[in-house]
Amino acid sequence: MKFTASQDISAPIDVVFGRVSDFDFMERLALRRGIDVARHDMSAAPRAGMRWTMGFVLRGRRRKVEVEMVGYEPPHKLRFKAVGEGAEGDLAVDIVALARERTRLALALQVKPRSLNARIAVQALQLSRGRYKRRLLKRLATLASQIEADYIARS
């Protein structure tokens, strides 16, 4: 199952990539949404190999996921690999400069079941796909407006 979303942001590519790769900021966003985040790699600079453990409730059940950043190519790409109970996922974050002060942030999440229970859960998610896609688009739009507001405030 694959989810994709993109959002155009009125800020330069370096500003957008800087904010998206500010993992302290992203961890705080996750915590505000009720996601438990534990970072295993405390290096100062972002790099491939960084790891997190995340816990959250999905469809009424507590889930735990191990996430690793497998690709880091400033200012254009971030790649993550997630492994959970019976499923795994790949998240691709692509950032493209459309103009000097206009950038497109695109997300692609691929979820692959590895067990029968996970396959059933993914099928159930597909039935609610529209609702989850709307949620993803709303959160991406909120992130975009935060990035734009920060960029305008610093200009």
N, C-alpha and C. Protein backbone atom coordinates (compact mmCIF):
# COMPACT_ATOMS: atom_id res chain seq x y z
N MET A 1 0.84 -1.17 0.00
CA MET A 1 0.00 0.00 0.00
C MET A 1 0.89 1.23 0.00
N LYS A 2 0.54 2.21 -0.81
CA LYS A 2 1.36 3.39 -0.94
C LYS A 2 0.53 4.65 -0.73
N PHE A 3 1.07 5.58 0.07
CA PHE A 3 0.48 6.89 0.27
C PHE A 3 1.45 7.91 -0.30
N THR A 4 0.94 8.88 -1.04
CA THR A 4 1.77 9.97 -1.55
C THR A 4 1.07 11.29 -1.26
N ALA A 5 1.88 12.32 -1.06
CA ALA A 5 1.35 13.66 -0.84
C ALA A 5 2.45 14.65 -1.18
N SER A 6 2.04 15.82 -1.65
CA SER A 6 3.02 16.88 -1.90
C SER A 6 2.39 18.22 -1.55
N GLN A 7 3.26 19.16 -1.26
CA GLN A 7 2.82 20.50 -0.87
C GLN A 7 3.84 21.50 -1.37
N ASP A 8 3.37 22.58 -1.98
CA ASP A 8 4.26 23.66 -2.40
C ASP A 8 4.40 24.64 -1.25
N ILE A 9 5.64 25.09 -1.03
CA ILE A 9 5.95 25.96 0.10
C ILE A 9 6.63 27.22 -0.42
N SER A 10 6.22 28.37 0.10
CA SER A 10 6.81 29.65 -0.31
C SER A 10 8.05 29.94 0.53
N ALA A 11 9.11 29.19 0.25
CA ALA A 11 10.40 29.36 0.93
C ALA A 11 11.47 28.69 0.07
N PRO A 12 12.72 29.13 0.18
CA PRO A 12 13.80 28.50 -0.60
C PRO A 12 14.04 27.05 -0.18
N ILE A 13 14.62 26.28 -1.07
CA ILE A 13 14.85 24.86 -0.82
C ILE A 13 15.71 24.62 0.41
N ASP A 14 16.72 25.46 0.64
CA ASP A 14 17.59 25.27 1.81
C ASP A 14 16.83 25.44 3.12
N VAL A 15 15.89 26.39 3.14
CA VAL A 15 15.08 26.61 4.34
C VAL A 15 14.18 25.40 4.60
N VAL A 16 13.55 24.91 3.54
CA VAL A 16 12.64 23.76 3.68
C VAL A 16 13.42 22.53 4.12
N PHE A 17 14.54 22.25 3.46
CA PHE A 17 15.33 21.08 3.85
C PHE A 17 15.85 21.22 5.28
N GLY A 18 16.29 22.42 5.65
CA GLY A 18 16.77 22.64 7.01
C GLY A 18 15.72 22.34 8.05
N ARG A 19 14.48 22.72 7.76
CA ARG A 19 13.41 22.47 8.73
C ARG A 19 13.01 21.00 8.76
N VAL A 20 12.91 20.38 7.59
CA VAL A 20 12.53 18.96 7.52
C VAL A 20 13.61 18.07 8.14
N SER A 21 14.86 18.48 8.04
CA SER A 21 15.94 17.68 8.61
C SER A 21 16.32 18.13 10.03
N ASP A 22 15.51 19.01 10.63
CA ASP A 22 15.68 19.40 12.03
C ASP A 22 14.94 18.36 12.87
N PHE A 23 15.64 17.31 13.24
CA PHE A 23 14.99 16.17 13.87
C PHE A 23 14.51 16.46 15.28
N ASP A 24 15.12 17.40 15.97
CA ASP A 24 14.59 17.80 17.28
C ASP A 24 13.19 18.40 17.11
N PHE A 25 13.02 19.25 16.09
CA PHE A 25 11.72 19.85 15.79
C PHE A 25 10.71 18.77 15.41
N MET A 26 11.12 17.84 14.55
CA MET A 26 10.21 16.78 14.11
C MET A 26 9.81 15.86 15.28
N GLU A 27 10.76 15.59 16.17
CA GLU A 27 10.44 14.77 17.35
C GLU A 27 9.41 15.48 18.23
N ARG A 28 9.56 16.80 18.39
CA ARG A 28 8.58 17.56 19.18
C ARG A 28 7.20 17.52 18.53
N LEU A 29 7.14 17.63 17.19
CA LEU A 29 5.86 17.53 16.48
C LEU A 29 5.21 16.17 16.74
N ALA A 30 6.00 15.11 16.69
CA ALA A 30 5.47 13.76 16.92
C ALA A 30 4.96 13.63 18.36
N LEU A 31 5.71 14.15 19.32
CA LEU A 31 5.29 14.07 20.72
C LEU A 31 3.97 14.79 20.94
N ARG A 32 3.76 15.93 20.26
CA ARG A 32 2.50 16.67 20.38
C ARG A 32 1.32 15.86 19.86
N ARG A 33 1.57 14.94 18.96
CA ARG A 33 0.50 14.12 18.39
C ARG A 33 0.35 12.78 19.12
N GLY A 34 1.01 12.64 20.27
CA GLY A 34 0.85 11.43 21.06
C GLY A 34 1.73 10.28 20.65
N ILE A 35 2.76 10.55 19.85
CA ILE A 35 3.69 9.50 19.43
C ILE A 35 4.90 9.53 20.36
N ASP A 36 5.21 8.41 20.96
CA ASP A 36 6.40 8.31 21.80
C ASP A 36 7.61 8.16 20.89
N VAL A 37 8.63 8.98 21.11
CA VAL A 37 9.82 8.96 20.27
C VAL A 37 11.05 8.81 21.15
N ALA A 38 11.87 7.82 20.84
CA ALA A 38 13.15 7.64 21.53
C ALA A 38 14.24 7.59 20.45
N ARG A 39 15.15 8.55 20.51
CA ARG A 39 16.23 8.62 19.53
C ARG A 39 17.43 7.84 20.05
N HIS A 40 18.01 7.00 19.19
CA HIS A 40 19.14 6.17 19.60
C HIS A 40 20.48 6.77 19.23
N ASP A 41 20.49 7.66 18.26
CA ASP A 41 21.73 8.25 17.78
C ASP A 41 21.71 9.73 18.13
N MET A 42 22.59 10.18 18.97
CA MET A 42 22.58 11.57 19.43
C MET A 42 23.64 12.42 18.73
N SER A 43 24.01 12.07 17.51
CA SER A 43 25.01 12.87 16.81
C SER A 43 24.44 14.26 16.51
N ALA A 44 25.31 15.25 16.50
CA ALA A 44 24.88 16.63 16.30
C ALA A 44 24.40 16.87 14.87
N ALA A 45 25.08 16.30 13.90
CA ALA A 45 24.73 16.51 12.50
C ALA A 45 23.89 15.34 11.98
N PRO A 46 22.85 15.64 11.21
CA PRO A 46 22.05 14.55 10.62
C PRO A 46 22.90 13.73 9.65
N ARG A 47 22.65 12.44 9.62
CA ARG A 47 23.39 11.56 8.71
C ARG A 47 22.63 10.25 8.57
N ALA A 48 22.93 9.52 7.49
CA ALA A 48 22.34 8.20 7.32
C ALA A 48 22.78 7.30 8.47
N GLY A 49 21.90 6.46 8.94
CA GLY A 49 22.20 5.57 10.06
C GLY A 49 21.56 6.01 11.36
N MET A 50 20.97 7.21 11.39
CA MET A 50 20.27 7.65 12.60
C MET A 50 19.08 6.74 12.83
N ARG A 51 18.76 6.47 14.13
CA ARG A 51 17.68 5.53 14.45
C ARG A 51 16.78 6.07 15.55
N TRP A 52 15.50 5.70 15.45
CA TRP A 52 14.49 6.06 16.44
C TRP A 52 13.61 4.85 16.71
N THR A 53 13.03 4.82 17.91
CA THR A 53 11.95 3.88 18.23
C THR A 53 10.71 4.73 18.48
N MET A 54 9.62 4.38 17.81
CA MET A 54 8.38 5.15 17.94
C MET A 54 7.26 4.24 18.40
N GLY A 55 6.44 4.75 19.29
CA GLY A 55 5.27 4.03 19.76
C GLY A 55 4.04 4.89 19.55
N PHE A 56 2.96 4.30 19.04
CA PHE A 56 1.74 5.05 18.75
C PHE A 56 0.56 4.09 18.73
N VAL A 57 -0.63 4.67 18.75
CA VAL A 57 -1.86 3.88 18.68
C VAL A 57 -2.41 4.00 17.26
N LEU A 58 -2.64 2.86 16.63
CA LEU A 58 -3.23 2.82 15.29
C LEU A 58 -4.35 1.79 15.31
N ARG A 59 -5.52 2.25 14.94
CA ARG A 59 -6.71 1.39 14.89
C ARG A 59 -6.96 0.71 16.24
N GLY A 60 -6.78 1.49 17.32
CA GLY A 60 -7.10 1.01 18.65
C GLY A 60 -6.06 0.11 19.30
N ARG A 61 -4.92 -0.05 18.66
CA ARG A 61 -3.89 -0.94 19.20
C ARG A 61 -2.55 -0.22 19.27
N ARG A 62 -1.82 -0.47 20.34
CA ARG A 62 -0.50 0.14 20.52
C ARG A 62 0.50 -0.52 19.58
N ARG A 63 1.23 0.28 18.81
CA ARG A 63 2.21 -0.22 17.85
C ARG A 63 3.59 0.33 18.21
N LYS A 64 4.60 -0.41 17.82
CA LYS A 64 5.99 0.00 18.03
C LYS A 64 6.73 -0.18 16.72
N VAL A 65 7.50 0.85 16.33
CA VAL A 65 8.20 0.83 15.05
C VAL A 65 9.63 1.29 15.26
N GLU A 66 10.57 0.58 14.64
CA GLU A 66 11.98 0.99 14.62
C GLU A 66 12.22 1.70 13.29
N VAL A 67 12.72 2.92 13.34
CA VAL A 67 12.92 3.72 12.14
C VAL A 67 14.41 4.04 12.00
N GLU A 68 14.92 3.88 10.77
CA GLU A 68 16.31 4.21 10.49
C GLU A 68 16.37 5.09 9.25
N MET A 69 17.19 6.14 9.31
CA MET A 69 17.40 6.97 8.13
C MET A 69 18.44 6.28 7.26
N VAL A 70 18.04 5.89 6.07
CA VAL A 70 18.93 5.14 5.18
C VAL A 70 19.50 6.00 4.06
N GLY A 71 18.97 7.21 3.90
CA GLY A 71 19.48 8.10 2.87
C GLY A 71 19.39 9.54 3.32
N TYR A 72 20.47 10.29 3.10
CA TYR A 72 20.51 11.71 3.48
C TYR A 72 21.32 12.44 2.41
N GLU A 73 20.61 13.15 1.54
CA GLU A 73 21.25 13.86 0.44
C GLU A 73 20.79 15.31 0.43
N PRO A 74 21.45 16.19 1.21
CA PRO A 74 21.03 17.60 1.25
C PRO A 74 21.23 18.26 -0.10
N PRO A 75 20.38 19.13 -0.52
CA PRO A 75 19.10 19.55 0.07
C PRO A 75 17.90 18.91 -0.63
N HIS A 76 18.05 17.70 -1.14
CA HIS A 76 16.98 17.13 -1.97
C HIS A 76 16.27 15.90 -1.43
N LYS A 77 16.95 15.04 -0.68
CA LYS A 77 16.33 13.75 -0.34
C LYS A 77 16.61 13.31 1.09
N LEU A 78 15.59 12.68 1.66
CA LEU A 78 15.70 11.94 2.91
C LEU A 78 14.99 10.62 2.68
N ARG A 79 15.58 9.53 3.15
CA ARG A 79 14.97 8.20 3.01
C ARG A 79 14.98 7.52 4.38
N PHE A 80 13.86 6.89 4.72
CA PHE A 80 13.73 6.21 6.00
C PHE A 80 13.20 4.80 5.76
N LYS A 81 13.63 3.88 6.61
CA LYS A 81 13.16 2.49 6.61
C LYS A 81 12.56 2.24 7.99
N ALA A 82 11.35 1.72 8.02
CA ALA A 82 10.67 1.43 9.28
C ALA A 82 10.32 -0.06 9.34
N VAL A 83 10.55 -0.66 10.50
CA VAL A 83 10.21 -2.06 10.70
C VAL A 83 9.38 -2.16 11.98
N GLY A 84 8.22 -2.77 11.85
CA GLY A 84 7.33 -2.92 12.99
C GLY A 84 6.87 -4.35 13.12
N GLU A 85 5.84 -4.55 13.91
CA GLU A 85 5.30 -5.88 14.18
C GLU A 85 4.63 -6.43 12.92
N GLY A 86 5.33 -7.21 12.16
CA GLY A 86 4.74 -7.86 11.00
C GLY A 86 4.68 -7.02 9.75
N ALA A 87 5.18 -5.79 9.78
CA ALA A 87 5.14 -4.93 8.59
C ALA A 87 6.40 -4.10 8.53
N GLU A 88 6.68 -3.62 7.34
CA GLU A 88 7.80 -2.70 7.16
C GLU A 88 7.36 -1.60 6.21
N GLY A 89 8.07 -0.50 6.25
CA GLY A 89 7.70 0.62 5.41
C GLY A 89 8.92 1.40 4.95
N ASP A 90 8.75 2.10 3.86
CA ASP A 90 9.77 2.99 3.31
C ASP A 90 9.15 4.35 3.15
N LEU A 91 9.83 5.38 3.65
CA LEU A 91 9.37 6.75 3.51
C LEU A 91 10.40 7.51 2.71
N ALA A 92 9.96 8.12 1.62
CA ALA A 92 10.83 8.95 0.78
C ALA A 92 10.35 10.40 0.91
N VAL A 93 11.26 11.29 1.25
CA VAL A 93 10.98 12.71 1.33
C VAL A 93 11.81 13.37 0.23
N ASP A 94 11.14 13.95 -0.75
CA ASP A 94 11.82 14.61 -1.85
C ASP A 94 11.49 16.10 -1.81
N ILE A 95 12.53 16.92 -2.00
CA ILE A 95 12.38 18.36 -1.96
C ILE A 95 12.92 18.91 -3.28
N VAL A 96 12.07 19.65 -3.99
CA VAL A 96 12.42 20.14 -5.32
C VAL A 96 12.22 21.65 -5.35
N ALA A 97 13.23 22.37 -5.83
CA ALA A 97 13.11 23.82 -5.99
C ALA A 97 12.30 24.10 -7.25
N LEU A 98 11.19 24.80 -7.10
CA LEU A 98 10.37 25.18 -8.25
C LEU A 98 10.78 26.56 -8.77
N ALA A 99 11.20 27.42 -7.86
CA ALA A 99 11.69 28.76 -8.17
C ALA A 99 12.61 29.15 -7.02
N ARG A 100 13.14 30.35 -7.06
CA ARG A 100 14.09 30.74 -6.02
C ARG A 100 13.46 30.68 -4.63
N GLU A 101 12.21 31.08 -4.52
CA GLU A 101 11.54 31.08 -3.22
C GLU A 101 10.27 30.24 -3.24
N ARG A 102 10.30 29.17 -3.98
CA ARG A 102 9.16 28.24 -4.04
C ARG A 102 9.70 26.83 -4.10
N THR A 103 9.23 25.97 -3.22
CA THR A 103 9.76 24.61 -3.10
C THR A 103 8.62 23.62 -2.95
N ARG A 104 8.78 22.46 -3.55
CA ARG A 104 7.78 21.39 -3.41
C ARG A 104 8.34 20.32 -2.48
N LEU A 105 7.56 19.98 -1.47
CA LEU A 105 7.89 18.92 -0.52
C LEU A 105 6.97 17.75 -0.85
N ALA A 106 7.56 16.61 -1.21
CA ALA A 106 6.78 15.43 -1.60
C ALA A 106 7.13 14.26 -0.69
N LEU A 107 6.10 13.56 -0.24
CA LEU A 107 6.26 12.38 0.61
C LEU A 107 5.69 11.16 -0.10
N ALA A 108 6.37 10.04 0.04
CA ALA A 108 5.85 8.76 -0.48
C ALA A 108 6.11 7.70 0.59
N LEU A 109 5.04 7.10 1.09
CA LEU A 109 5.13 6.08 2.13
C LEU A 109 4.62 4.77 1.56
N GLN A 110 5.46 3.76 1.57
CA GLN A 110 5.11 2.42 1.08
C GLN A 110 5.09 1.49 2.29
N VAL A 111 3.96 0.83 2.54
CA VAL A 111 3.81 -0.12 3.65
C VAL A 111 3.69 -1.51 3.07
N LYS A 112 4.52 -2.44 3.58
CA LYS A 112 4.50 -3.82 3.10
C LYS A 112 4.26 -4.78 4.27
N PRO A 113 3.20 -5.55 4.22
CA PRO A 113 2.96 -6.52 5.30
C PRO A 113 3.92 -7.70 5.17
N ARG A 114 4.34 -8.24 6.33
CA ARG A 114 5.21 -9.41 6.35
C ARG A 114 4.57 -10.60 7.08
N SER A 115 3.36 -10.42 7.58
CA SER A 115 2.67 -11.51 8.26
C SER A 115 1.19 -11.46 7.88
N LEU A 116 0.48 -12.52 8.21
CA LEU A 116 -0.94 -12.58 7.90
C LEU A 116 -1.71 -11.49 8.63
N ASN A 117 -1.42 -11.30 9.92
CA ASN A 117 -2.11 -10.25 10.69
C ASN A 117 -1.84 -8.88 10.09
N ALA A 118 -0.60 -8.62 9.68
CA ALA A 118 -0.26 -7.34 9.07
C ALA A 118 -0.96 -7.18 7.73
N ARG A 119 -1.08 -8.26 6.98
CA ARG A 119 -1.77 -8.21 5.69
C ARG A 119 -3.24 -7.82 5.89
N ILE A 120 -3.86 -8.38 6.91
CA ILE A 120 -5.26 -8.04 7.22
C ILE A 120 -5.36 -6.57 7.65
N ALA A 121 -4.41 -6.12 8.47
CA ALA A 121 -4.41 -4.73 8.93
C ALA A 121 -4.22 -3.77 7.75
N VAL A 122 -3.34 -4.12 6.83
CA VAL A 122 -3.12 -3.26 5.65
C VAL A 122 -4.38 -3.23 4.78
N GLN A 123 -5.06 -4.36 4.65
CA GLN A 123 -6.32 -4.37 3.89
C GLN A 123 -7.36 -3.47 4.55
N ALA A 124 -7.41 -3.49 5.88
CA ALA A 124 -8.33 -2.61 6.60
C ALA A 124 -7.94 -1.14 6.39
N LEU A 125 -6.64 -0.86 6.37
CA LEU A 125 -6.18 0.51 6.11
C LEU A 125 -6.57 0.96 4.71
N GLN A 126 -6.54 0.04 3.76
CA GLN A 126 -6.91 0.40 2.39
C GLN A 126 -8.38 0.82 2.30
N LEU A 127 -9.21 0.22 3.15
CA LEU A 127 -10.61 0.61 3.17
C LEU A 127 -10.79 2.04 3.68
N SER A 128 -9.88 2.48 4.56
CA SER A 128 -9.92 3.83 5.12
C SER A 128 -8.87 4.73 4.46
N ARG A 129 -8.39 4.35 3.32
CA ARG A 129 -7.30 5.05 2.64
C ARG A 129 -7.58 6.55 2.46
N GLY A 130 -8.77 6.90 2.04
CA GLY A 130 -9.12 8.30 1.81
C GLY A 130 -9.00 9.14 3.07
N ARG A 131 -9.46 8.58 4.18
CA ARG A 131 -9.39 9.31 5.45
C ARG A 131 -7.94 9.54 5.85
N TYR A 132 -7.09 8.51 5.72
CA TYR A 132 -5.68 8.65 6.09
C TYR A 132 -4.94 9.59 5.13
N LYS A 133 -5.31 9.57 3.87
CA LYS A 133 -4.69 10.48 2.89
C LYS A 133 -5.05 11.92 3.22
N ARG A 134 -6.32 12.19 3.56
CA ARG A 134 -6.73 13.54 3.94
C ARG A 134 -5.98 14.01 5.18
N ARG A 135 -5.81 13.11 6.14
CA ARG A 135 -5.05 13.44 7.35
C ARG A 135 -3.61 13.81 7.03
N LEU A 136 -2.99 13.00 6.16
CA LEU A 136 -1.61 13.26 5.75
C LEU A 136 -1.50 14.60 5.04
N LEU A 137 -2.41 14.90 4.13
CA LEU A 137 -2.39 16.17 3.42
C LEU A 137 -2.58 17.35 4.37
N LYS A 138 -3.46 17.20 5.34
CA LYS A 138 -3.70 18.26 6.32
C LYS A 138 -2.45 18.53 7.15
N ARG A 139 -1.79 17.47 7.60
CA ARG A 139 -0.58 17.64 8.41
C ARG A 139 0.57 18.22 7.59
N LEU A 140 0.66 17.83 6.33
CA LEU A 140 1.68 18.38 5.45
C LEU A 140 1.42 19.87 5.20
N ALA A 141 0.17 20.25 5.03
CA ALA A 141 -0.18 21.66 4.85
C ALA A 141 0.14 22.47 6.11
N THR A 142 -0.10 21.89 7.28
CA THR A 142 0.24 22.57 8.53
C THR A 142 1.75 22.77 8.65
N LEU A 143 2.52 21.74 8.31
CA LEU A 143 3.98 21.85 8.33
C LEU A 143 4.44 22.93 7.35
N ALA A 144 3.86 22.95 6.17
CA ALA A 144 4.22 23.95 5.16
C ALA A 144 3.95 25.36 5.66
N SER A 145 2.81 25.57 6.29
CA SER A 145 2.49 26.91 6.79
C SER A 145 3.43 27.31 7.93
N GLN A 146 3.86 26.35 8.76
CA GLN A 146 4.83 26.65 9.82
C GLN A 146 6.17 27.05 9.21
N ILE A 147 6.61 26.33 8.20
CA ILE A 147 7.88 26.65 7.54
C ILE A 147 7.80 28.04 6.91
N GLU A 148 6.69 28.34 6.22
CA GLU A 148 6.52 29.65 5.59
C GLU A 148 6.51 30.75 6.64
N ALA A 149 5.80 30.55 7.73
CA ALA A 149 5.73 31.56 8.79
C ALA A 149 7.10 31.80 9.40
N ASP A 150 7.86 30.74 9.66
CA ASP A 150 9.22 30.90 10.20
C ASP A 150 10.12 31.64 9.22
N TYR A 151 10.00 31.31 7.93
CA TYR A 151 10.82 31.94 6.92
C TYR A 151 10.50 33.45 6.82
N ILE A 152 9.21 33.78 6.84
CA ILE A 152 8.82 35.20 6.77
C ILE A 152 9.29 35.94 8.02
N ALA A 153 9.17 35.31 9.18
CA ALA A 153 9.60 35.96 10.44
C ALA A 153 11.10 36.22 10.46
N ARG A 154 11.89 35.34 9.84
CA ARG A 154 13.35 35.50 9.84
C ARG A 154 13.84 36.42 8.73
N SER A 155 12.99 36.70 7.75
CA SER A 155 13.40 37.55 6.62
C SER A 155 13.38 39.00 6.98
